[in-house]
Amino acid sequence: MDIVYIPPQDIDRVWVIAKPYVDDALAYSNRHHHSNHFKNLLKKGKLQLWILWDGKKATTEEKINGVVVSEVIQRSIKKVFHLPIVTGKNRQQWQHLIEKLEDFAKKQGCDLMELVARPGWQKILDKYNYKKTHVVLEKTLEKEKD
């Protein structure tokens, strides 16, 4: 199992296998974005796409185990490697690959990693020295009636 970075010029070629995973992740995040929004940002190089790939399997469907979407954000003091999407199947086989993302982030000059994730990820990432510093809570606001 490996995590493979997909450069912007290859997004159109791999989007057909990545899109279902992105759509699924967005469905769990209250659909703040449409997957085509992510695709456009990936093609412009503003986001990065990573495929969780098992080259030992026979078919493309078996080989792809998930996707990660990342973003390098320069804040006023720190540079952050933000992961808005980490999703897939067979998580136990690839969760350790977070270390490869950390290496990439360091090469980009990032000061810290940041994930917005479901609560279960805290327990998984504890062993990689991630600490809960914030919680994202949401509430859908009803539109006012005339």
Protein backbone atom coordinates (compact mmCIF):
# COMPACT_ATOMS: atom_id res chain seq x y z
CA MET A 1 0.00 0.00 0.00
CA ASP A 2 1.27 3.45 -0.85
CA ILE A 3 0.03 7.00 -1.11
CA VAL A 4 0.56 8.53 -4.54
CA TYR A 5 0.57 12.25 -5.26
CA ILE A 6 -1.37 13.17 -8.42
CA PRO A 7 0.01 16.31 -10.09
CA PRO A 8 -2.44 18.95 -11.36
CA GLN A 9 -1.96 18.00 -15.02
CA ASP A 10 -3.15 14.43 -14.25
CA ILE A 11 -6.32 15.30 -12.30
CA ASP A 12 -8.66 14.83 -15.29
CA ARG A 13 -7.16 11.40 -15.95
CA VAL A 14 -7.70 10.06 -12.41
CA TRP A 15 -10.81 12.02 -11.40
CA VAL A 16 -13.13 9.19 -12.42
CA ILE A 17 -11.68 6.99 -9.65
CA ALA A 18 -11.20 9.77 -7.08
CA LYS A 19 -14.56 11.52 -7.43
CA PRO A 20 -16.69 8.86 -5.68
CA TYR A 21 -14.46 9.07 -2.62
CA VAL A 22 -14.55 12.87 -2.61
CA ASP A 23 -18.35 12.81 -3.02
CA ASP A 24 -18.67 10.35 -0.13
CA ALA A 25 -16.51 12.49 2.15
CA LEU A 26 -18.48 15.61 1.25
CA ALA A 27 -21.74 13.79 2.06
CA TYR A 28 -20.47 13.32 5.63
CA SER A 29 -19.44 16.96 5.95
CA ASN A 30 -22.83 18.54 5.42
CA ARG A 31 -22.06 19.14 1.73
CA HIS A 32 -20.29 22.47 2.12
CA HIS A 33 -18.78 22.01 -1.33
CA HIS A 34 -19.46 20.23 -4.58
CA SER A 35 -16.76 17.81 -5.75
CA ASN A 36 -16.26 19.84 -8.94
CA HIS A 37 -15.14 22.75 -6.74
CA PHE A 38 -12.37 20.51 -5.39
CA LYS A 39 -11.53 19.27 -8.88
CA ASN A 40 -11.07 22.82 -10.16
CA LEU A 41 -8.80 23.74 -7.24
CA LEU A 42 -6.81 20.53 -7.73
CA LYS A 43 -6.29 21.31 -11.42
CA LYS A 44 -5.09 24.82 -10.51
CA GLY A 45 -2.62 23.38 -7.98
CA LYS A 46 -4.33 25.09 -5.04
CA LEU A 47 -5.13 21.69 -3.50
CA GLN A 48 -3.26 18.39 -3.75
CA LEU A 49 -4.77 14.98 -4.54
CA TRP A 50 -3.35 11.78 -3.12
CA ILE A 51 -4.52 8.26 -4.02
CA LEU A 52 -4.23 5.41 -1.52
CA TRP A 53 -3.04 2.71 -3.91
CA ASP A 54 -2.43 -1.03 -3.54
CA GLY A 55 -0.51 -1.99 -6.68
CA LYS A 56 -0.62 -5.69 -5.76
CA LYS A 57 -4.34 -5.96 -6.48
CA ALA A 58 -5.72 -7.02 -9.88
CA THR A 59 -8.30 -4.38 -10.79
CA THR A 60 -8.35 -0.60 -10.48
CA GLU A 61 -11.34 -0.87 -8.14
CA GLU A 62 -9.35 -3.16 -5.85
CA LYS A 63 -6.18 -1.06 -6.12
CA ILE A 64 -7.72 2.23 -5.01
CA ASN A 65 -8.37 2.30 -1.29
CA GLY A 66 -9.18 5.97 -0.86
CA VAL A 67 -8.13 9.54 -1.39
CA VAL A 68 -6.65 12.42 0.53
CA VAL A 69 -7.08 16.05 -0.42
CA SER A 70 -4.60 18.46 1.08
CA GLU A 71 -3.97 22.18 1.07
CA VAL A 72 -0.96 24.26 2.04
CA ILE A 73 -2.20 27.37 3.85
CA GLN A 74 0.04 30.28 4.77
CA ARG A 75 -1.42 31.90 7.84
CA SER A 76 -0.05 35.11 9.33
CA ILE A 77 2.44 33.30 11.57
CA LYS A 78 2.46 29.61 10.58
CA LYS A 79 2.27 27.58 7.42
CA VAL A 80 -0.25 24.76 7.76
CA PHE A 81 -0.73 21.49 5.88
CA HIS A 82 -4.51 21.16 6.00
CA LEU A 83 -6.31 17.88 5.23
CA PRO A 84 -9.98 18.55 4.46
CA ILE A 85 -10.53 15.03 3.11
CA VAL A 86 -9.06 11.73 4.28
CA THR A 87 -11.32 8.86 3.30
CA GLY A 88 -11.29 5.32 2.05
CA LYS A 89 -11.63 1.63 2.77
CA ASN A 90 -9.22 -0.74 4.56
CA ARG A 91 -8.03 2.14 6.76
CA GLN A 92 -5.83 -0.09 8.92
CA GLN A 93 -3.70 -0.82 5.85
CA TRP A 94 -2.95 2.82 5.04
CA GLN A 95 -3.42 5.00 8.13
CA HIS A 96 0.34 4.85 8.80
CA LEU A 97 0.91 6.70 5.51
CA ILE A 98 0.11 9.93 7.36
CA GLU A 99 3.87 10.03 7.91
CA LYS A 100 4.45 10.41 4.15
CA LEU A 101 2.07 13.36 4.13
CA GLU A 102 3.99 14.83 7.07
CA ASP A 103 7.23 14.48 5.08
CA PHE A 104 5.64 16.28 2.12
CA ALA A 105 4.38 19.03 4.44
CA LYS A 106 7.86 19.52 5.89
CA LYS A 107 9.29 19.86 2.37
CA GLN A 108 6.70 22.59 1.72
CA GLY A 109 7.95 24.46 4.79
CA CYS A 110 4.80 23.76 6.83
CA ASP A 111 4.88 24.26 10.58
CA LEU A 112 1.97 21.98 11.44
CA MET A 113 -0.57 19.48 10.18
CA GLU A 114 -4.29 20.18 10.50
CA LEU A 115 -7.20 17.82 9.99
CA VAL A 116 -10.89 18.48 10.06
CA ALA A 117 -12.21 15.00 10.65
CA ARG A 118 -14.87 12.92 12.29
CA PRO A 119 -14.25 12.16 15.99
CA GLY A 120 -13.00 8.61 15.39
CA TRP A 121 -9.84 9.92 13.75
CA GLN A 122 -8.60 11.26 17.09
CA LYS A 123 -8.15 7.76 18.49
CA ILE A 124 -6.47 6.58 15.28
CA LEU A 125 -4.02 9.47 15.13
CA ASP A 126 -3.15 9.52 18.84
CA LYS A 127 -0.35 7.03 18.17
CA TYR A 128 1.12 9.42 15.57
CA ASN A 129 1.34 12.19 18.20
CA TYR A 130 -1.68 14.18 17.02
CA LYS A 131 -3.50 16.08 19.74
CA LYS A 132 -7.02 17.45 19.76
CA THR A 133 -6.70 21.22 19.93
CA HIS A 134 -10.06 22.25 18.48
CA VAL A 135 -13.44 20.81 17.64
CA VAL A 136 -15.51 21.84 14.64
CA LEU A 137 -19.22 21.96 15.41
CA GLU A 138 -21.91 22.86 12.92
CA LYS A 139 -25.52 23.88 12.90
CA THR A 140 -27.60 24.41 9.80
CA LEU A 141 -29.45 27.71 10.03
CA GLU A 142 -33.03 27.90 8.90
CA LYS A 143 -33.83 30.65 6.43
CA GLU A 144 -36.13 33.35 7.75
CA LYS A 145 -39.64 33.20 6.39
CA ASP A 146 -41.20 36.32 4.93
